[in-house]
C-alpha atoms as a PDB file:
ATOM      1  CA  MET A   1      73.440 111.121 130.768  1.00  0.00           C
ATOM      2  CA  ARG A   2      71.204 109.689 128.033  1.00  0.00           C
ATOM      3  CA  ARG A   3      68.007 107.610 127.902  1.00  0.00           C
ATOM      4  CA  GLY A   4      68.043 106.370 131.471  1.00  0.00           C
ATOM      5  CA  TRP A   5      71.538 104.858 131.489  1.00  0.00           C
ATOM      6  CA  SER A   6      73.654 105.748 134.488  1.00  0.00           C
ATOM      7  CA  ALA A   7      76.651 107.295 132.726  1.00  0.00           C
ATOM      8  CA  VAL A   8      78.465 107.757 129.448  1.00  0.00           C
ATOM      9  CA  VAL A   9      82.154 107.124 128.813  1.00  0.00           C
ATOM     10  CA  VAL A  10      84.177 108.122 125.747  1.00  0.00           C
ATOM     11  CA  GLU A  11      86.514 105.400 124.480  1.00  0.00           C
ATOM     12  CA  THR A  12      88.637 104.915 121.370  1.00  0.00           C
ATOM     13  CA  TYR A  13      88.134 102.363 118.631  1.00  0.00           C
ATOM     14  CA  ALA A  14      91.864 101.679 118.783  1.00  0.00           C
ATOM     15  CA  GLU A  15      91.677 100.607 122.427  1.00  0.00           C
ATOM     16  CA  LEU A  16      88.643  98.436 121.733  1.00  0.00           C
ATOM     17  CA  ALA A  17      90.514  96.829 118.850  1.00  0.00           C
ATOM     18  CA  ARG A  18      93.431  96.039 121.171  1.00  0.00           C
ATOM     19  CA  ARG A  19      91.077  94.426 123.682  1.00  0.00           C
ATOM     20  CA  ILE A  20      89.535  92.268 120.972  1.00  0.00           C
ATOM     21  CA  ARG A  21      92.937  91.180 119.676  1.00  0.00           C
ATOM     22  CA  ALA A  22      94.009  90.263 123.230  1.00  0.00           C
ATOM     23  CA  ALA A  23      90.837  88.270 123.964  1.00  0.00           C
ATOM     24  CA  PRO A  24      90.566  84.532 123.272  1.00  0.00           C
ATOM     25  CA  ALA A  25      89.007  83.156 120.105  1.00  0.00           C
ATOM     26  CA  ARG A  26      85.837  81.175 120.818  1.00  0.00           C
ATOM     27  CA  LEU A  27      84.742  80.195 117.299  1.00  0.00           C
ATOM     28  CA  GLY A  28      87.537  77.897 116.194  1.00  0.00           C
ATOM     29  CA  ALA A  29      90.501  80.221 115.661  1.00  0.00           C
ATOM     30  CA  VAL A  30      88.229  83.200 114.968  1.00  0.00           C
ATOM     31  CA  ARG A  31      87.503  86.115 117.282  1.00  0.00           C
ATOM     32  CA  LEU A  32      83.819  86.699 116.589  1.00  0.00           C
ATOM     33  CA  VAL A  33      82.381  90.162 117.293  1.00  0.00           C
ATOM     34  CA  ALA A  34      78.638  90.770 116.926  1.00  0.00           C
ATOM     35  CA  VAL A  35      77.370  94.332 116.438  1.00  0.00           C
ATOM     36  CA  ASP A  36      73.637  94.270 117.121  1.00  0.00           C
ATOM     37  CA  GLY A  37      70.943  96.866 117.696  1.00  0.00           C
ATOM     38  CA  PRO A  38      67.763  98.220 116.127  1.00  0.00           C
ATOM     39  CA  SER A  39      67.541  99.556 112.587  1.00  0.00           C
ATOM     40  CA  GLY A  40      68.963 103.031 112.129  1.00  0.00           C
ATOM     41  CA  ALA A  41      70.937 102.953 115.373  1.00  0.00           C
ATOM     42  CA  GLY A  42      74.346 103.307 113.714  1.00  0.00           C
ATOM     43  CA  LYS A  43      75.566  99.697 113.641  1.00  0.00           C
ATOM     44  CA  THR A  44      77.076  99.863 110.159  1.00  0.00           C
ATOM     45  CA  LEU A  45      79.094 103.007 110.878  1.00  0.00           C
ATOM     46  CA  PHE A  46      80.326 101.657 114.219  1.00  0.00           C
ATOM     47  CA  THR A  47      81.341  98.384 112.537  1.00  0.00           C
ATOM     48  CA  ALA A  48      83.216 100.154 109.755  1.00  0.00           C
ATOM     49  CA  ARG A  49      85.183 102.266 112.211  1.00  0.00           C
ATOM     50  CA  LEU A  50      85.978  99.281 114.419  1.00  0.00           C
ATOM     51  CA  ALA A  51      87.099  97.252 111.400  1.00  0.00           C
ATOM     52  CA  ASP A  52      89.380 100.109 110.393  1.00  0.00           C
ATOM     53  CA  ALA A  53      90.899 100.199 113.882  1.00  0.00           C
ATOM     54  CA  LEU A  54      91.392  96.429 113.865  1.00  0.00           C
ATOM     55  CA  GLN A  55      93.220  96.618 110.547  1.00  0.00           C
ATOM     56  CA  GLY A  56      95.620  99.201 111.950  1.00  0.00           C
ATOM     57  CA  PRO A  57      97.730 101.891 110.245  1.00  0.00           C
ATOM     58  CA  ARG A  58      97.563 101.970 106.454  1.00  0.00           C
ATOM     59  CA  GLU A  59     101.278 101.264 106.055  1.00  0.00           C
ATOM     60  CA  GLN A  60     100.889  97.980 107.968  1.00  0.00           C
ATOM     61  CA  ARG A  61      97.251  96.987 107.490  1.00  0.00           C
ATOM     62  CA  ALA A  62      96.214  93.599 108.871  1.00  0.00           C
ATOM     63  CA  ASP A  63      94.429  91.427 106.310  1.00  0.00           C
ATOM     64  CA  ASP A  64      92.619  89.146 108.755  1.00  0.00           C
ATOM     65  CA  VAL A  65      89.526  91.290 109.452  1.00  0.00           C
ATOM     66  CA  THR A  66      86.262  90.243 107.805  1.00  0.00           C
ATOM     67  CA  VAL A  67      82.951  92.105 107.940  1.00  0.00           C
ATOM     68  CA  LEU A  68      79.682  90.272 107.326  1.00  0.00           C
ATOM     69  CA  HIS A  69      76.395  92.201 107.165  1.00  0.00           C
ATOM     70  CA  THR A  70      73.353  90.078 108.026  1.00  0.00           C
ATOM     71  CA  ASP A  71      71.274  92.008 105.454  1.00  0.00           C
ATOM     72  CA  ASP A  72      73.385  90.251 102.800  1.00  0.00           C
ATOM     73  CA  LEU A  73      72.046  86.883 103.964  1.00  0.00           C
ATOM     74  CA  LEU A  74      68.351  87.725 104.202  1.00  0.00           C
ATOM     75  CA  ASP A  75      66.099  86.128 101.599  1.00  0.00           C
ATOM     76  CA  GLY A  76      63.941  89.254 101.410  1.00  0.00           C
ATOM     77  CA  TRP A  77      61.938  91.123 104.068  1.00  0.00           C
ATOM     78  CA  ALA A  78      60.251  87.996 105.449  1.00  0.00           C
ATOM     79  CA  ASP A  79      63.592  86.437 106.398  1.00  0.00           C
ATOM     80  CA  GLN A  80      64.338  88.950 109.171  1.00  0.00           C
ATOM     81  CA  PHE A  81      65.338  86.354 111.773  1.00  0.00           C
ATOM     82  CA  THR A  82      65.097  82.988 109.997  1.00  0.00           C
ATOM     83  CA  PHE A  83      68.257  83.655 107.972  1.00  0.00           C
ATOM     84  CA  TRP A  84      70.340  82.427 110.916  1.00  0.00           C
ATOM     85  CA  ARG A  85      70.375  78.782 109.861  1.00  0.00           C
ATOM     86  CA  ARG A  86      71.817  79.849 106.511  1.00  0.00           C
ATOM     87  CA  LEU A  87      74.514  81.895 108.240  1.00  0.00           C
ATOM     88  CA  ASP A  88      75.343  79.073 110.626  1.00  0.00           C
ATOM     89  CA  GLU A  89      75.570  76.349 107.978  1.00  0.00           C
ATOM     90  CA  GLN A  90      77.508  78.353 105.394  1.00  0.00           C
ATOM     91  CA  ALA A  91      79.830  80.466 107.537  1.00  0.00           C
ATOM     92  CA  LEU A  92      79.907  79.610 111.233  1.00  0.00           C
ATOM     93  CA  GLU A  93      79.858  75.806 111.192  1.00  0.00           C
ATOM     94  CA  PRO A  94      82.976  75.526 108.998  1.00  0.00           C
ATOM     95  CA  LEU A  95      84.799  78.017 111.241  1.00  0.00           C
ATOM     96  CA  ARG A  96      84.022  75.877 114.285  1.00  0.00           C
ATOM     97  CA  ALA A  97      85.797  73.015 112.548  1.00  0.00           C
ATOM     98  CA  GLY A  98      88.770  75.181 111.593  1.00  0.00           C
ATOM     99  CA  ARG A  99      87.768  75.421 107.927  1.00  0.00           C
ATOM    100  CA  PRO A 100      87.050  78.565 105.870  1.00  0.00           C
ATOM    101  CA  GLY A 101      83.399  79.386 105.409  1.00  0.00           C
ATOM    102  CA  GLY A 102      81.532  81.445 102.856  1.00  0.00           C
ATOM    103  CA  TYR A 103      78.129  82.646 101.768  1.00  0.00           C
ATOM    104  CA  HIS A 104      76.171  83.923  98.803  1.00  0.00           C
ATOM    105  CA  ARG A 105      75.102  87.554  99.024  1.00  0.00           C
ATOM    106  CA  TYR A 106      71.427  88.405  98.506  1.00  0.00           C
ATOM    107  CA  SER A 107      70.647  90.982  95.830  1.00  0.00           C
ATOM    108  CA  TRP A 108      67.752  93.155  96.994  1.00  0.00           C
ATOM    109  CA  LEU A 109      67.477  94.530  93.458  1.00  0.00           C
ATOM    110  CA  ARG A 110      67.242  91.141  91.737  1.00  0.00           C
ATOM    111  CA  GLU A 111      65.521  89.478  94.724  1.00  0.00           C
ATOM    112  CA  ARG A 112      67.788  86.433  94.633  1.00  0.00           C
ATOM    113  CA  PHE A 113      71.143  85.247  95.913  1.00  0.00           C
ATOM    114  CA  THR A 114      74.121  85.990  93.699  1.00  0.00           C
ATOM    115  CA  THR A 115      76.391  83.292  92.306  1.00  0.00           C
ATOM    116  CA  PRO A 116      79.841  84.443  93.527  1.00  0.00           C
ATOM    117  CA  ARG A 117      80.655  83.009  96.949  1.00  0.00           C
ATOM    118  CA  VAL A 118      81.965  85.475  99.529  1.00  0.00           C
ATOM    119  CA  PRO A 119      84.778  83.799 101.515  1.00  0.00           C
ATOM    120  CA  VAL A 120      85.032  83.892 105.313  1.00  0.00           C
ATOM    121  CA  PRO A 121      88.557  83.016 106.533  1.00  0.00           C
ATOM    122  CA  ALA A 122      89.063  80.572 109.413  1.00  0.00           C
ATOM    123  CA  HIS A 123      91.329  82.962 111.307  1.00  0.00           C
ATOM    124  CA  GLY A 124      91.510  86.549 112.510  1.00  0.00           C
ATOM    125  CA  VAL A 125      88.490  88.657 113.458  1.00  0.00           C
ATOM    126  CA  LEU A 126      84.988  88.290 112.034  1.00  0.00           C
ATOM    127  CA  LEU A 127      82.590  91.195 112.579  1.00  0.00           C
ATOM    128  CA  ILE A 128      78.934  90.269 112.093  1.00  0.00           C
ATOM    129  CA  GLU A 129      76.733  93.366 111.870  1.00  0.00           C
ATOM    130  CA  GLY A 130      72.955  93.455 111.854  1.00  0.00           C
ATOM    131  CA  VAL A 131      69.731  92.923 113.737  1.00  0.00           C
ATOM    132  CA  SER A 132      69.940  89.736 115.867  1.00  0.00           C
ATOM    133  CA  ALA A 133      73.692  89.277 115.261  1.00  0.00           C
ATOM    134  CA  ALA A 134      74.258  88.908 119.033  1.00  0.00           C
ATOM    135  CA  ARG A 135      71.309  86.577 119.619  1.00  0.00           C
ATOM    136  CA  ALA A 136      71.443  84.090 122.495  1.00  0.00           C
ATOM    137  CA  ALA A 137      72.340  81.155 120.220  1.00  0.00           C
ATOM    138  CA  ILE A 138      75.783  82.578 119.397  1.00  0.00           C
ATOM    139  CA  ARG A 139      76.729  84.213 122.716  1.00  0.00           C
ATOM    140  CA  PRO A 140      78.981  81.394 124.002  1.00  0.00           C
ATOM    141  CA  GLU A 141      81.151  81.767 120.896  1.00  0.00           C
ATOM    142  CA  LEU A 142      81.392  85.555 120.899  1.00  0.00           C
ATOM    143  CA  THR A 143      84.580  87.352 121.820  1.00  0.00           C
ATOM    144  CA  LEU A 144      82.521  90.544 122.125  1.00  0.00           C
ATOM    145  CA  ALA A 145      78.827  91.445 121.891  1.00  0.00           C
ATOM    146  CA  VAL A 146      78.036  95.075 121.057  1.00  0.00           C
ATOM    147  CA  PHE A 147      74.584  96.670 121.143  1.00  0.00           C
ATOM    148  CA  VAL A 148      74.210 100.051 119.418  1.00  0.00           C
ATOM    149  CA  THR A 149      71.194 102.170 120.313  1.00  0.00           C
ATOM    150  CA  ALA A 150      69.750 105.600 119.458  1.00  0.00           C
ATOM    151  CA  PRO A 151      66.480 107.526 120.039  1.00  0.00           C
ATOM    152  CA  ASP A 152      63.512 106.014 118.223  1.00  0.00           C
ATOM    153  CA  PRO A 153      62.498 109.073 116.118  1.00  0.00           C
ATOM    154  CA  LEU A 154      66.073 109.545 114.917  1.00  0.00           C
ATOM    155  CA  ARG A 155      66.360 105.900 113.954  1.00  0.00           C
ATOM    156  CA  LEU A 156      63.186 106.087 111.860  1.00  0.00           C
ATOM    157  CA  ASP A 157      64.401 109.257 110.141  1.00  0.00           C
ATOM    158  CA  ARG A 158      67.706 107.575 109.334  1.00  0.00           C
ATOM    159  CA  THR A 159      66.143 104.449 107.852  1.00  0.00           C
ATOM    160  CA  LEU A 160      63.678 106.444 105.743  1.00  0.00           C
ATOM    161  CA  ALA A 161      66.489 108.679 104.482  1.00  0.00           C
ATOM    162  CA  ARG A 162      68.539 105.609 103.626  1.00  0.00           C
ATOM    163  CA  ASP A 163      65.868 103.317 102.158  1.00  0.00           C
ATOM    164  CA  GLY A 164      63.232 105.758 100.915  1.00  0.00           C
ATOM    165  CA  GLU A 165      59.707 106.728 101.952  1.00  0.00           C
ATOM    166  CA  ARG A 166      58.210 104.054  99.685  1.00  0.00           C
ATOM    167  CA  LEU A 167      59.581 101.382 102.039  1.00  0.00           C
ATOM    168  CA  ARG A 168      57.936 102.845 105.151  1.00  0.00           C
ATOM    169  CA  PRO A 169      55.417  99.950 105.526  1.00  0.00           C
ATOM    170  CA  HIS A 170      58.231  97.380 105.391  1.00  0.00           C
ATOM    171  CA  LEU A 171      60.352  99.413 107.800  1.00  0.00           C
ATOM    172  CA  LEU A 172      57.523  99.818 110.327  1.00  0.00           C
ATOM    173  CA  ARG A 173      56.852  96.067 110.321  1.00  0.00           C
ATOM    174  CA  TRP A 174      60.590  95.432 110.622  1.00  0.00           C
ATOM    175  CA  ARG A 175      60.895  97.796 113.597  1.00  0.00           C
ATOM    176  CA  ALA A 176      57.978  96.182 115.417  1.00  0.00           C
ATOM    177  CA  ALA A 177      59.441  92.708 114.891  1.00  0.00           C
ATOM    178  CA  GLU A 178      62.924  93.683 116.034  1.00  0.00           C
ATOM    179  CA  ALA A 179      61.538  95.302 119.193  1.00  0.00           C
ATOM    180  CA  GLY A 180      59.787  92.036 120.038  1.00  0.00           C
ATOM    181  CA  HIS A 181      62.930  90.047 119.333  1.00  0.00           C
ATOM    182  CA  PHE A 182      65.146  92.224 121.528  1.00  0.00           C
ATOM    183  CA  ALA A 183      62.656  92.039 124.402  1.00  0.00           C
ATOM    184  CA  ALA A 184      62.430  88.240 124.224  1.00  0.00           C
ATOM    185  CA  ASP A 185      66.140  87.703 123.610  1.00  0.00           C
ATOM    186  CA  GLY A 186      67.434  90.166 126.220  1.00  0.00           C
ATOM    187  CA  THR A 187      70.063  91.274 123.728  1.00  0.00           C
ATOM    188  CA  ALA A 188      70.912  94.691 125.164  1.00  0.00           C
ATOM    189  CA  GLU A 189      71.100  93.382 128.723  1.00  0.00           C
ATOM    190  CA  ALA A 190      73.446  90.556 127.698  1.00  0.00           C
ATOM    191  CA  ALA A 191      75.765  92.726 125.566  1.00  0.00           C
ATOM    192  CA  ASP A 192      79.324  93.356 126.714  1.00  0.00           C
ATOM    193  CA  LEU A 193      79.246  96.886 125.327  1.00  0.00           C
ATOM    194  CA  LEU A 194      76.314  99.274 124.951  1.00  0.00           C
ATOM    195  CA  VAL A 195      77.090 102.075 122.473  1.00  0.00           C
ATOM    196  CA  ASP A 196      75.364 105.395 121.889  1.00  0.00           C
ATOM    197  CA  GLY A 197      74.634 105.590 118.164  1.00  0.00           C
ATOM    198  CA  ALA A 198      73.790 109.300 118.439  1.00  0.00           C
ATOM    199  CA  PRO A 199      76.627 110.682 120.562  1.00  0.00           C
ATOM    200  CA  THR A 200      76.942 114.353 121.374  1.00  0.00           C
ATOM    201  CA  GLY A 201      80.120 116.344 121.855  1.00  0.00           C
ATOM    202  CA  LEU A 202      82.632 113.875 120.400  1.00  0.00           C
ATOM    203  CA  VAL A 203      85.649 115.801 119.133  1.00  0.00           C
ATOM    204  CA  ASP A 204      86.685 113.065 116.685  1.00  0.00           C
ATOM    205  CA  PRO A 205      83.859 110.573 115.953  1.00  0.00           C
ATOM    206  CA  GLY A 206      86.154 108.653 113.626  1.00  0.00           C
ATOM    207  CA  ARG A 207      88.425 107.759 116.538  1.00  0.00           C
ATOM    208  CA  HIS A 208      86.037 107.785 119.504  1.00  0.00           C
ATOM    209  CA  TYR A 209      82.683 106.284 120.423  1.00  0.00           C
ATOM    210  CA  GLN A 210      80.419 106.905 123.386  1.00  0.00           C
ATOM    211  CA  ARG A 211      79.801 103.991 125.710  1.00  0.00           C
ATOM    212  CA  LEU A 212      76.592 103.826 127.735  1.00  0.00           C
ATOM    213  CA  ARG A 213      77.536 100.721 129.702  1.00  0.00           C
END
Protein backbone atom coordinates (compact mmCIF):
# COMPACT_ATOMS: atom_id res chain seq x y z
CA MET A 1 0.00 0.00 0.00
CA ARG A 2 1.25 3.50 -0.84
CA ARG A 3 0.58 7.04 0.44
CA GLY A 4 -2.62 6.32 2.32
CA TRP A 5 -4.57 4.71 -0.52
CA SER A 6 -6.35 1.50 0.37
CA ALA A 7 -4.82 -0.83 -2.21
CA VAL A 8 -2.82 -1.09 -5.40
CA VAL A 9 -3.76 -3.09 -8.49
CA VAL A 10 -1.56 -3.90 -11.48
CA GLU A 11 -3.29 -3.47 -14.84
CA THR A 12 -2.16 -3.47 -18.47
CA TYR A 13 -2.15 -0.54 -20.86
CA ALA A 14 -3.64 -2.85 -23.47
CA GLU A 15 -6.71 -3.54 -21.33
CA LEU A 16 -7.12 0.15 -20.56
CA ALA A 17 -6.90 0.90 -24.28
CA ARG A 18 -9.66 -1.63 -24.96
CA ARG A 19 -11.88 -0.01 -22.33
CA ILE A 20 -11.35 3.41 -23.88
CA ARG A 21 -12.13 2.14 -27.37
CA ALA A 22 -15.33 0.51 -26.07
CA ALA A 23 -16.49 3.63 -24.21
CA PRO A 24 -18.71 6.27 -25.83
CA ALA A 25 -17.31 9.43 -27.38
CA ARG A 26 -18.45 12.56 -25.52
CA LEU A 27 -16.64 15.30 -27.47
CA GLY A 28 -18.28 15.09 -30.87
CA ALA A 29 -16.96 11.84 -32.35
CA VAL A 30 -13.80 11.99 -30.23
CA ARG A 31 -12.98 9.90 -27.18
CA LEU A 32 -11.22 12.45 -24.99
CA VAL A 33 -8.80 11.18 -22.32
CA ALA A 34 -7.22 13.63 -19.87
CA VAL A 35 -4.01 12.65 -18.07
CA ASP A 36 -3.59 15.07 -15.18
CA GLY A 37 -1.42 15.24 -12.08
CA PRO A 38 1.34 17.33 -10.53
CA SER A 39 4.63 18.11 -12.23
CA GLY A 40 7.12 15.26 -12.22
CA ALA A 41 4.51 12.62 -11.42
CA GLY A 42 5.01 10.65 -14.64
CA LYS A 43 2.13 11.91 -16.79
CA THR A 44 4.12 12.12 -20.02
CA LEU A 45 5.46 8.57 -19.75
CA PHE A 46 2.04 7.16 -18.85
CA THR A 47 0.49 9.01 -21.81
CA ALA A 48 3.11 7.75 -24.24
CA ARG A 49 2.60 4.15 -23.17
CA LEU A 50 -1.18 4.45 -23.31
CA ALA A 51 -0.99 6.03 -26.77
CA ASP A 52 1.19 3.14 -27.91
CA ALA A 53 -1.35 0.63 -26.59
CA LEU A 54 -4.21 2.48 -28.28
CA GLN A 55 -2.38 2.39 -31.61
CA GLY A 56 -1.98 -1.38 -31.34
CA PRO A 57 0.57 -3.77 -32.89
CA ARG A 58 3.09 -2.20 -35.25
CA GLU A 59 1.94 -4.27 -38.22
CA GLN A 60 -1.58 -2.84 -37.89
CA ARG A 61 -1.13 0.52 -36.15
CA ALA A 62 -4.23 2.68 -35.78
CA ASP A 63 -3.75 6.22 -37.06
CA ASP A 64 -6.54 7.87 -35.08
CA VAL A 65 -4.68 8.54 -31.80
CA THR A 66 -3.60 12.12 -31.11
CA VAL A 67 -1.53 13.34 -28.16
CA LEU A 68 -1.69 16.97 -27.06
CA HIS A 69 0.61 18.25 -24.30
CA THR A 70 -0.76 21.30 -22.48
CA ASP A 71 2.80 22.68 -22.11
CA ASP A 72 2.71 23.25 -25.88
CA LEU A 73 -0.17 25.70 -25.44
CA LEU A 74 1.18 27.74 -22.54
CA ASP A 75 2.23 31.30 -23.34
CA GLY A 76 5.15 31.09 -20.91
CA TRP A 77 5.29 30.37 -17.17
CA ALA A 78 2.53 32.84 -16.27
CA ASP A 79 -0.02 31.00 -18.41
CA GLN A 80 -0.14 27.91 -16.18
CA PHE A 81 -3.94 27.68 -16.06
CA THR A 82 -5.20 30.52 -18.28
CA PHE A 83 -4.18 28.68 -21.46
CA TRP A 84 -7.46 26.76 -21.34
CA ARG A 85 -9.45 29.27 -23.37
CA ARG A 86 -6.88 28.95 -26.15
CA LEU A 87 -7.14 25.16 -26.06
CA ASP A 88 -10.93 25.27 -26.05
CA GLU A 89 -11.27 27.74 -28.92
CA GLN A 90 -8.62 26.22 -31.18
CA ALA A 91 -9.01 22.49 -30.55
CA LEU A 92 -12.02 21.47 -28.48
CA GLU A 93 -14.76 23.74 -29.84
CA PRO A 94 -14.31 22.55 -33.45
CA LEU A 95 -14.37 18.92 -32.28
CA ARG A 96 -17.69 19.51 -30.53
CA ALA A 97 -19.09 20.60 -33.88
CA GLY A 98 -17.61 17.61 -35.69
CA ARG A 99 -14.85 19.63 -37.36
CA PRO A 100 -11.07 19.13 -37.10
CA GLY A 101 -9.29 21.42 -34.70
CA GLY A 102 -5.71 22.56 -34.40
CA TYR A 103 -3.32 24.71 -32.44
CA HIS A 104 -0.01 26.53 -32.63
CA ARG A 105 2.75 25.09 -30.47
CA TYR A 106 4.59 27.41 -28.08
CA SER A 107 8.37 27.52 -28.40
CA TRP A 108 9.90 27.86 -24.93
CA LEU A 109 13.24 28.65 -26.59
CA ARG A 110 11.92 31.47 -28.78
CA GLU A 111 9.21 32.48 -26.28
CA ARG A 112 6.50 32.68 -28.93
CA PHE A 113 4.01 30.48 -30.73
CA THR A 114 5.26 28.81 -33.89
CA THR A 115 3.63 29.31 -37.28
CA PRO A 116 2.86 25.71 -38.35
CA ARG A 117 -0.57 24.61 -37.15
CA VAL A 118 -0.74 21.23 -35.43
CA PRO A 119 -3.91 19.42 -36.58
CA VAL A 120 -6.34 17.68 -34.22
CA PRO A 121 -8.61 15.20 -36.06
CA ALA A 122 -12.36 15.13 -35.38
CA HIS A 123 -12.37 11.38 -34.77
CA GLY A 124 -10.57 8.68 -32.81
CA VAL A 125 -8.92 9.23 -29.43
CA LEU A 126 -7.43 12.49 -28.18
CA LEU A 127 -5.08 12.29 -25.19
CA ILE A 128 -4.56 15.62 -23.43
CA GLU A 129 -1.63 15.47 -21.01
CA GLY A 130 -0.65 18.11 -18.49
CA VAL A 131 -1.47 19.96 -15.31
CA SER A 132 -5.21 20.83 -15.19
CA ALA A 133 -6.06 18.67 -18.23
CA ALA A 134 -8.88 16.99 -16.26
CA ARG A 135 -10.24 20.21 -14.76
CA ALA A 136 -13.93 20.42 -13.85
CA ALA A 137 -14.83 22.39 -17.00
CA ILE A 138 -14.09 19.44 -19.31
CA ARG A 139 -15.25 16.51 -17.16
CA PRO A 140 -18.68 16.04 -18.82
CA GLU A 141 -16.94 15.51 -22.16
CA LEU A 142 -14.24 13.13 -20.96
CA THR A 143 -14.28 9.46 -21.81
CA LEU A 144 -11.65 8.94 -19.10
CA ALA A 145 -9.96 11.14 -16.49
CA VAL A 146 -6.59 9.91 -15.21
CA PHE A 147 -4.65 11.41 -12.29
CA VAL A 148 -0.99 10.39 -11.96
CA THR A 149 0.71 10.94 -8.62
CA ALA A 150 4.11 10.31 -6.99
CA PRO A 151 5.93 11.28 -3.75
CA ASP A 152 6.70 14.99 -3.53
CA PRO A 153 10.52 14.76 -3.14
CA LEU A 154 10.78 12.42 -6.13
CA ARG A 155 8.67 14.72 -8.26
CA LEU A 156 10.91 17.69 -7.48
CA ASP A 157 14.03 15.67 -8.27
CA ARG A 158 12.52 14.62 -11.59
CA THR A 159 11.57 18.13 -12.66
CA LEU A 160 14.97 19.56 -11.70
CA ALA A 161 16.73 16.76 -13.58
CA ARG A 162 14.55 17.43 -16.61
CA ASP A 163 14.46 21.24 -16.63
CA GLY A 164 17.67 22.18 -14.83
CA GLU A 165 18.56 23.71 -11.47
CA ARG A 166 18.42 27.23 -12.93
CA LEU A 167 14.64 26.88 -13.25
CA ARG A 168 14.11 25.97 -9.59
CA PRO A 169 12.36 29.29 -8.72
CA HIS A 170 9.90 28.84 -11.59
CA LEU A 171 9.33 25.20 -10.68
CA LEU A 172 8.68 25.97 -7.00
CA ARG A 173 6.11 28.64 -7.91
CA TRP A 174 4.56 26.23 -10.41
CA ARG A 175 4.30 23.46 -7.80
CA ALA A 176 2.66 25.75 -5.26
CA ALA A 177 0.11 26.94 -7.82
CA GLU A 178 -0.75 23.45 -9.02
CA ALA A 179 -1.26 22.24 -5.44
CA GLY A 180 -3.76 25.05 -4.90
CA HIS A 181 -5.51 24.26 -8.16
CA PHE A 182 -5.86 20.55 -7.40
CA ALA A 183 -7.24 21.29 -3.93
CA ALA A 184 -9.84 23.73 -5.26
CA ASP A 185 -10.73 21.65 -8.31
CA GLY A 186 -10.92 18.26 -6.56
CA THR A 187 -9.15 16.74 -9.54
CA ALA A 188 -7.78 13.58 -7.93
CA GLU A 189 -11.06 12.80 -6.18
CA ALA A 190 -13.03 13.18 -9.43
CA ALA A 191 -10.64 11.11 -11.58
CA ASP A 192 -11.77 7.76 -12.95
CA LEU A 193 -8.29 6.31 -12.54
CA LEU A 194 -5.60 7.15 -9.99
CA VAL A 195 -2.16 5.95 -11.13
CA ASP A 196 1.05 5.48 -9.18
CA GLY A 197 3.75 7.36 -11.08
CA ALA A 198 6.49 5.69 -9.00
CA PRO A 199 5.45 2.03 -8.98
CA THR A 200 7.53 -0.65 -7.33
CA GLY A 201 7.91 -4.26 -8.40
CA LEU A 202 6.44 -4.03 -11.91
CA VAL A 203 7.93 -6.80 -14.05
CA ASP A 204 7.25 -4.97 -17.33
CA PRO A 205 6.58 -1.22 -16.84
CA GLY A 206 6.12 -0.82 -20.58
CA ARG A 207 3.06 -3.06 -20.48
CA HIS A 208 1.75 -2.55 -16.94
CA TYR A 209 0.87 0.34 -14.66
CA GLN A 210 -0.03 0.42 -10.99
CA ARG A 211 -3.49 1.63 -10.10
CA LEU A 212 -4.14 3.21 -6.71
CA ARG A 213 -7.89 3.56 -7.15
